Amino acid sequence: MENTTLKLRGMSCASCARSIEEAISSVNGVSECIVNFGWSYAKK
């Protein structure tokens, strides 16, 4: 399994983080996605 970390901009709330997490998780081949609002990154 390959891990990827993405730097994110423009998140203003935890709801934004959840929306991004759901979008990334829906991509074919992604088994898990964690979006951290406080640190503005996504890790899959």
PDB file of N, CA and C in Angstrom:
ATOM      1  N   MET A   1       0.845  -1.174   0.000  1.00  0.00           N
ATOM      2  CA  MET A   1       0.000   0.000   0.000  1.00  0.00           C
ATOM      3  C   MET A   1       0.889   1.236   0.000  1.00  0.00           C
ATOM      4  N   GLU A   2       0.536   2.184  -0.838  1.00  0.00           N
ATOM      5  CA  GLU A   2       1.275   3.436  -0.933  1.00  0.00           C
ATOM      6  C   GLU A   2       0.565   4.510  -0.120  1.00  0.00           C
ATOM      7  N   ASN A   3       1.323   5.303   0.614  1.00  0.00           N
ATOM      8  CA  ASN A   3       0.761   6.428   1.373  1.00  0.00           C
ATOM      9  C   ASN A   3       1.082   7.726   0.656  1.00  0.00           C
ATOM     10  N   THR A   4       0.144   8.633   0.661  1.00  0.00           N
ATOM     11  CA  THR A   4       0.312   9.943   0.050  1.00  0.00           C
ATOM     12  C   THR A   4      -0.180  10.995   1.029  1.00  0.00           C
ATOM     13  N   THR A   5       0.583  12.081   1.184  1.00  0.00           N
ATOM     14  CA  THR A   5       0.164  13.197   2.020  1.00  0.00           C
ATOM     15  C   THR A   5      -0.017  14.415   1.125  1.00  0.00           C
ATOM     16  N   LEU A   6      -1.153  15.081   1.243  1.00  0.00           N
ATOM     17  CA  LEU A   6      -1.470  16.254   0.442  1.00  0.00           C
ATOM     18  C   LEU A   6      -1.612  17.471   1.336  1.00  0.00           C
ATOM     19  N   LYS A   7      -0.968  18.571   0.975  1.00  0.00           N
ATOM     20  CA  LYS A   7      -1.135  19.837   1.686  1.00  0.00           C
ATOM     21  C   LYS A   7      -2.379  20.519   1.138  1.00  0.00           C
ATOM     22  N   LEU A   8      -3.284  20.920   2.009  1.00  0.00           N
ATOM     23  CA  LEU A   8      -4.556  21.512   1.598  1.00  0.00           C
ATOM     24  C   LEU A   8      -4.625  22.978   1.994  1.00  0.00           C
ATOM     25  N   ARG A   9      -5.356  23.759   1.189  1.00  0.00           N
ATOM     26  CA  ARG A   9      -5.596  25.166   1.502  1.00  0.00           C
ATOM     27  C   ARG A   9      -7.088  25.436   1.447  1.00  0.00           C
ATOM     28  N   GLY A  10      -7.515  26.412   2.184  1.00  0.00           N
ATOM     29  CA  GLY A  10      -8.886  26.881   2.085  1.00  0.00           C
ATOM     30  C   GLY A  10      -9.890  26.197   2.997  1.00  0.00           C
ATOM     31  N   MET A  11      -9.428  25.276   3.831  1.00  0.00           N
ATOM     32  CA  MET A  11     -10.363  24.661   4.780  1.00  0.00           C
ATOM     33  C   MET A  11     -10.630  25.659   5.894  1.00  0.00           C
ATOM     34  N   SER A  12     -11.915  25.936   6.133  1.00  0.00           N
ATOM     35  CA  SER A  12     -12.237  26.902   7.177  1.00  0.00           C
ATOM     36  C   SER A  12     -12.971  26.283   8.359  1.00  0.00           C
ATOM     37  N   CYS A  13     -13.299  24.988   8.250  1.00  0.00           N
ATOM     38  CA  CYS A  13     -14.017  24.347   9.347  1.00  0.00           C
ATOM     39  C   CYS A  13     -13.909  22.827   9.232  1.00  0.00           C
ATOM     40  N   ALA A  14     -14.350  22.150  10.267  1.00  0.00           N
ATOM     41  CA  ALA A  14     -14.312  20.688  10.274  1.00  0.00           C
ATOM     42  C   ALA A  14     -15.239  20.107   9.206  1.00  0.00           C
ATOM     43  N   SER A  15     -16.296  20.823   8.865  1.00  0.00           N
ATOM     44  CA  SER A  15     -17.204  20.363   7.813  1.00  0.00           C
ATOM     45  C   SER A  15     -16.495  20.320   6.460  1.00  0.00           C
ATOM     46  N   CYS A  16     -15.633  21.298   6.208  1.00  0.00           N
ATOM     47  CA  CYS A  16     -14.828  21.293   4.977  1.00  0.00           C
ATOM     48  C   CYS A  16     -13.937  20.055   4.947  1.00  0.00           C
ATOM     49  N   ALA A  17     -13.302  19.766   6.063  1.00  0.00           N
ATOM     50  CA  ALA A  17     -12.423  18.603   6.155  1.00  0.00           C
ATOM     51  C   ALA A  17     -13.206  17.326   5.874  1.00  0.00           C
ATOM     52  N   ARG A  18     -14.403  17.225   6.401  1.00  0.00           N
ATOM     53  CA  ARG A  18     -15.236  16.032   6.189  1.00  0.00           C
ATOM     54  C   ARG A  18     -15.622  15.897   4.716  1.00  0.00           C
ATOM     55  N   SER A  19     -15.953  16.993   4.072  1.00  0.00           N
ATOM     56  CA  SER A  19     -16.307  16.963   2.647  1.00  0.00           C
ATOM     57  C   SER A  19     -15.132  16.497   1.797  1.00  0.00           C
ATOM     58  N   ILE A  20     -13.938  16.989   2.113  1.00  0.00           N
ATOM     59  CA  ILE A  20     -12.732  16.579   1.388  1.00  0.00           C
ATOM     60  C   ILE A  20     -12.448  15.105   1.633  1.00  0.00           C
ATOM     61  N   GLU A  21     -12.581  14.677   2.873  1.00  0.00           N
ATOM     62  CA  GLU A  21     -12.367  13.278   3.231  1.00  0.00           C
ATOM     63  C   GLU A  21     -13.322  12.371   2.443  1.00  0.00           C
ATOM     64  N   GLU A  22     -14.580  12.739   2.353  1.00  0.00           N
ATOM     65  CA  GLU A  22     -15.560  11.942   1.607  1.00  0.00           C
ATOM     66  C   GLU A  22     -15.222  11.904   0.117  1.00  0.00           C
ATOM     67  N   ALA A  23     -14.792  13.030  -0.440  1.00  0.00           N
ATOM     68  CA  ALA A  23     -14.456  13.084  -1.866  1.00  0.00           C
ATOM     69  C   ALA A  23     -13.249  12.204  -2.182  1.00  0.00           C
ATOM     70  N   ILE A  24     -12.202  12.298  -1.373  1.00  0.00           N
ATOM     71  CA  ILE A  24     -11.007  11.485  -1.609  1.00  0.00           C
ATOM     72  C   ILE A  24     -11.322  10.010  -1.396  1.00  0.00           C
ATOM     73  N   SER A  25     -12.104   9.701  -0.385  1.00  0.00           N
ATOM     74  CA  SER A  25     -12.460   8.308  -0.095  1.00  0.00           C
ATOM     75  C   SER A  25     -13.267   7.673  -1.222  1.00  0.00           C
ATOM     76  N   SER A  26     -13.970   8.487  -2.001  1.00  0.00           N
ATOM     77  CA  SER A  26     -14.792   7.948  -3.089  1.00  0.00           C
ATOM     78  C   SER A  26     -13.981   7.603  -4.337  1.00  0.00           C
ATOM     79  N   VAL A  27     -12.708   7.994  -4.372  1.00  0.00           N
ATOM     80  CA  VAL A  27     -11.851   7.699  -5.522  1.00  0.00           C
ATOM     81  C   VAL A  27     -11.524   6.210  -5.539  1.00  0.00           C
ATOM     82  N   ASN A  28     -11.663   5.603  -6.712  1.00  0.00           N
ATOM     83  CA  ASN A  28     -11.377   4.184  -6.877  1.00  0.00           C
ATOM     84  C   ASN A  28      -9.930   3.883  -6.469  1.00  0.00           C
ATOM     85  N   GLY A  29      -9.740   2.901  -5.618  1.00  0.00           N
ATOM     86  CA  GLY A  29      -8.410   2.500  -5.170  1.00  0.00           C
ATOM     87  C   GLY A  29      -8.006   3.078  -3.824  1.00  0.00           C
ATOM     88  N   VAL A  30      -8.756   4.049  -3.318  1.00  0.00           N
ATOM     89  CA  VAL A  30      -8.462   4.630  -2.009  1.00  0.00           C
ATOM     90  C   VAL A  30      -9.200   3.811  -0.952  1.00  0.00           C
ATOM     91  N   SER A  31      -8.430   3.222  -0.032  1.00  0.00           N
ATOM     92  CA  SER A  31      -9.055   2.389   0.999  1.00  0.00           C
ATOM     93  C   SER A  31      -9.306   3.157   2.293  1.00  0.00           C
ATOM     94  N   GLU A  32      -8.550   4.228   2.519  1.00  0.00           N
ATOM     95  CA  GLU A  32      -8.712   5.023   3.740  1.00  0.00           C
ATOM     96  C   GLU A  32      -8.214   6.431   3.470  1.00  0.00           C
ATOM     97  N   CYS A  33      -8.864   7.402   4.061  1.00  0.00           N
ATOM     98  CA  CYS A  33      -8.442   8.793   3.938  1.00  0.00           C
ATOM     99  C   CYS A  33      -8.677   9.487   5.267  1.00  0.00           C
ATOM    100  N   ILE A  34      -7.680  10.223   5.718  1.00  0.00           N
ATOM    101  CA  ILE A  34      -7.787  10.994   6.954  1.00  0.00           C
ATOM    102  C   ILE A  34      -7.457  12.442   6.615  1.00  0.00           C
ATOM    103  N   VAL A  35      -8.380  13.343   6.884  1.00  0.00           N
ATOM    104  CA  VAL A  35      -8.147  14.769   6.673  1.00  0.00           C
ATOM    105  C   VAL A  35      -8.079  15.428   8.038  1.00  0.00           C
ATOM    106  N   ASN A  36      -7.003  16.170   8.284  1.00  0.00           N
ATOM    107  CA  ASN A  36      -6.805  16.837   9.562  1.00  0.00           C
ATOM    108  C   ASN A  36      -7.024  18.333   9.374  1.00  0.00           C
ATOM    109  N   PHE A  37      -8.121  18.854   9.898  1.00  0.00           N
ATOM    110  CA  PHE A  37      -8.448  20.277   9.760  1.00  0.00           C
ATOM    111  C   PHE A  37      -7.400  21.163  10.426  1.00  0.00           C
ATOM    112  N   GLY A  38      -6.953  20.808  11.604  1.00  0.00           N
ATOM    113  CA  GLY A  38      -5.995  21.626  12.343  1.00  0.00           C
ATOM    114  C   GLY A  38      -4.657  21.787  11.649  1.00  0.00           C
ATOM    115  N   TRP A  39      -4.222  20.751  10.956  1.00  0.00           N
ATOM    116  CA  TRP A  39      -2.912  20.787  10.291  1.00  0.00           C
ATOM    117  C   TRP A  39      -3.019  21.009   8.797  1.00  0.00           C
ATOM    118  N   SER A  40      -4.236  21.052   8.261  1.00  0.00           N
ATOM    119  CA  SER A  40      -4.499  21.291   6.833  1.00  0.00           C
ATOM    120  C   SER A  40      -3.784  20.299   5.923  1.00  0.00           C
ATOM    121  N   TYR A  41      -3.947  19.024   6.220  1.00  0.00           N
ATOM    122  CA  TYR A  41      -3.394  18.020   5.320  1.00  0.00           C
ATOM    123  C   TYR A  41      -4.350  16.844   5.197  1.00  0.00           C
ATOM    124  N   ALA A  42      -4.160  16.096   4.121  1.00  0.00           N
ATOM    125  CA  ALA A  42      -4.912  14.852   3.909  1.00  0.00           C
ATOM    126  C   ALA A  42      -3.906  13.741   3.724  1.00  0.00           C
ATOM    127  N   LYS A  43      -4.180  12.612   4.307  1.00  0.00           N
ATOM    128  CA  LYS A  43      -3.299  11.460   4.185  1.00  0.00           C
ATOM    129  C   LYS A  43      -4.141  10.280   3.756  1.00  0.00           C
ATOM    130  N   LYS A  44      -3.671   9.571   2.750  1.00  0.00           N
ATOM    131  CA  LYS A  44      -4.402   8.385   2.300  1.00  0.00           C
ATOM    132  C   LYS A  44      -3.490   7.197   2.305  1.00  0.00           C
TER     133      LYS A  44
END
